[in-house]
C-alpha cells in the first residue's frame, strides 16, 4: 500500500444525521421552576429598591419643606415687626403733623368716649320665671 491508498481510505463519506433527543420533562420543569424563582427574586429586589428610593425622596422633600417653613417663619416675624412699627402711635402722630399739616386737638376740643361695660347678669335665683 502506498501513501495515496491510505489517504483515500480515510475519506469515507459519513452521514451526519441530526440526533433527535427526547425532551426531559423533569429537567424542563426544574428549568421553569428556577426561572420563576429568579423572576420572583428580581421582582422582590426591584420592589425593595423602589421603596428605598421613594423613602429617600420623601426624606429630601420633608427636609426641603422644613427649610421653606423656617424661611416663612422668619419672613412672618419680620412682617409682624414691620406692622407693629407702622401702627406705632408716635409715628402716626408725626406723619399727621409733619406731612399732613394736622394739628393736635386741645383739651377742650377733644371728647373722650369711654367704653361701656355691660353689667353682670343677676343670679338665677333672683330672676322671676313664669
Protein backbone atom coordinates (compact mmCIF):
# COMPACT_ATOMS: atom_id res chain seq x y z
CA UNK A 1 0.00 0.00 0.00
CA UNK A 2 1.17 3.30 -0.95
CA UNK A 3 0.59 6.54 0.88
CA UNK A 4 -2.14 7.51 -1.55
CA UNK A 5 -4.28 4.48 -0.89
CA UNK A 6 -4.26 5.11 2.84
CA UNK A 7 -5.31 8.71 2.33
CA UNK A 8 -8.21 7.58 0.19
CA UNK A 9 -9.37 5.09 2.74
CA UNK A 10 -9.62 7.86 5.39
CA UNK A 11 -12.03 9.89 3.34
CA UNK A 12 -15.15 7.97 3.80
CA UNK A 13 -18.49 9.63 3.31
CA UNK A 14 -20.01 9.77 6.81
CA UNK A 15 -23.56 10.93 7.03
CA UNK A 16 -24.04 13.40 9.81
CA UNK A 17 -27.73 12.99 10.54
CA UNK A 18 -29.03 15.09 13.44
CA UNK A 19 -29.65 13.16 16.58
CA UNK A 20 -33.18 13.54 17.87
CA UNK A 21 -33.26 13.74 21.63
CA UNK A 22 -36.29 13.32 23.76
CA UNK A 23 -37.32 16.25 25.94
CA UNK A 24 -36.61 15.51 29.57
CA UNK A 25 -39.81 16.62 31.30
CA UNK A 26 -38.31 16.63 34.80
CA UNK A 27 -35.40 18.79 33.71
CA UNK A 28 -37.77 21.09 31.80
CA UNK A 29 -39.92 21.52 34.93
CA UNK A 30 -36.85 22.31 37.02
CA UNK A 31 -35.76 24.87 34.45
CA UNK A 32 -39.14 26.64 34.51
CA UNK A 33 -39.24 26.48 38.30
CA UNK A 34 -35.75 28.03 38.51
CA UNK A 35 -36.73 30.73 36.04
CA UNK A 36 -39.89 31.52 38.06
CA UNK A 37 -37.90 31.75 41.30
CA UNK A 38 -35.37 34.01 39.57
CA UNK A 39 -38.09 36.30 38.21
CA UNK A 40 -39.70 36.45 41.67
CA UNK A 41 -36.38 37.35 43.31
CA UNK A 42 -35.73 40.07 40.73
CA UNK A 43 -39.24 41.43 41.33
CA UNK A 44 -38.68 41.48 45.11
CA UNK A 45 -35.32 43.19 44.65
CA UNK A 46 -36.77 45.84 42.32
CA UNK A 47 -39.72 46.45 44.67
CA UNK A 48 -37.37 46.84 47.63
CA UNK A 49 -35.13 49.25 45.71
CA UNK A 50 -38.17 51.27 44.60
CA UNK A 51 -39.38 51.59 48.19
CA UNK A 52 -35.91 52.60 49.36
CA UNK A 53 -35.58 55.34 46.73
CA UNK A 54 -39.12 56.61 47.42
CA UNK A 55 -38.23 56.83 51.11
CA UNK A 56 -35.09 58.81 50.27
CA UNK A 57 -37.04 61.19 48.02
CA UNK A 58 -39.66 61.75 50.70
CA UNK A 59 -36.90 62.45 53.25
CA UNK A 60 -35.38 65.06 50.94
CA UNK A 61 -38.82 66.58 50.34
CA UNK A 62 -39.52 66.79 54.10
CA UNK A 63 -36.17 68.48 54.68
CA UNK A 64 -36.87 70.97 51.88
CA UNK A 65 -40.32 71.73 53.29
CA UNK A 66 -38.86 72.28 56.77
CA UNK A 67 -36.37 74.76 55.33
CA UNK A 68 -39.17 76.56 53.47
CA UNK A 69 -41.22 76.68 56.69
CA UNK A 70 -38.27 78.14 58.61
CA UNK A 71 -37.82 80.83 55.92
CA UNK A 72 -41.56 81.60 56.01
CA UNK A 73 -41.46 81.95 59.80
CA UNK A 74 -38.56 84.41 59.56
CA UNK A 75 -40.41 86.44 56.92
CA UNK A 76 -43.59 86.33 59.04
CA UNK A 77 -41.69 87.61 62.09
CA UNK A 78 -40.21 90.48 60.07
CA UNK A 79 -43.61 91.39 58.64
CA UNK A 80 -45.25 91.39 62.08
CA UNK A 81 -42.48 93.63 63.38
CA UNK A 82 -42.97 95.97 60.43
CA UNK A 83 -46.74 96.08 61.04
CA UNK A 84 -46.18 96.96 64.70
CA UNK A 85 -43.76 99.75 63.82
CA UNK A 86 -46.19 101.12 61.22
CA UNK A 87 -49.01 101.06 63.80
CA UNK A 88 -46.99 102.95 66.43
CA UNK A 89 -48.98 106.00 67.66
CA UNK A 90 -45.88 108.23 67.77
CA UNK A 91 -45.16 107.53 64.11
CA UNK A 92 -48.77 108.17 63.11
CA UNK A 93 -48.80 111.45 65.06
CA UNK A 94 -45.50 112.56 63.48
CA UNK A 95 -46.80 111.82 59.94
CA UNK A 96 -50.09 113.63 60.70
CA UNK A 97 -48.40 116.77 61.99
CA UNK A 98 -45.43 116.96 59.60
CA UNK A 99 -46.71 115.62 56.28
CA UNK A 100 -50.47 116.22 56.50
CA UNK A 101 -50.26 119.51 58.44
CA UNK A 102 -52.80 118.36 61.02
CA UNK A 103 -52.92 119.96 64.46
CA UNK A 104 -53.33 118.11 67.73
CA UNK A 105 -56.69 118.99 69.37
CA UNK A 106 -56.79 120.97 72.58
CA UNK A 107 -58.17 119.58 75.80
CA UNK A 108 -61.46 121.49 75.37
CA UNK A 109 -61.87 120.33 71.73
CA UNK A 110 -61.40 116.63 72.33
CA UNK A 111 -64.21 114.40 73.50
CA UNK A 112 -63.19 111.17 75.17
CA UNK A 113 -65.71 108.39 74.77
CA UNK A 114 -65.49 105.75 77.41
CA UNK A 115 -66.28 102.19 76.65
CA UNK A 116 -69.44 100.99 78.37
CA UNK A 117 -69.08 97.64 80.01
CA UNK A 118 -72.35 95.70 80.29
CA UNK A 119 -73.42 94.86 83.81
CA UNK A 120 -73.17 91.34 85.00
CA UNK A 121 -76.47 89.48 84.86
CA UNK A 122 -78.12 88.80 88.22
CA UNK A 123 -78.09 85.38 89.81
CA UNK A 124 -80.61 82.91 88.53
CA UNK A 125 -82.41 82.77 91.86
CA UNK A 126 -83.37 86.46 91.58
CA UNK A 127 -84.89 86.20 88.15
CA UNK A 128 -88.60 85.52 88.12
CA UNK A 129 -89.80 82.74 85.89
CA UNK A 130 -93.28 82.12 84.63
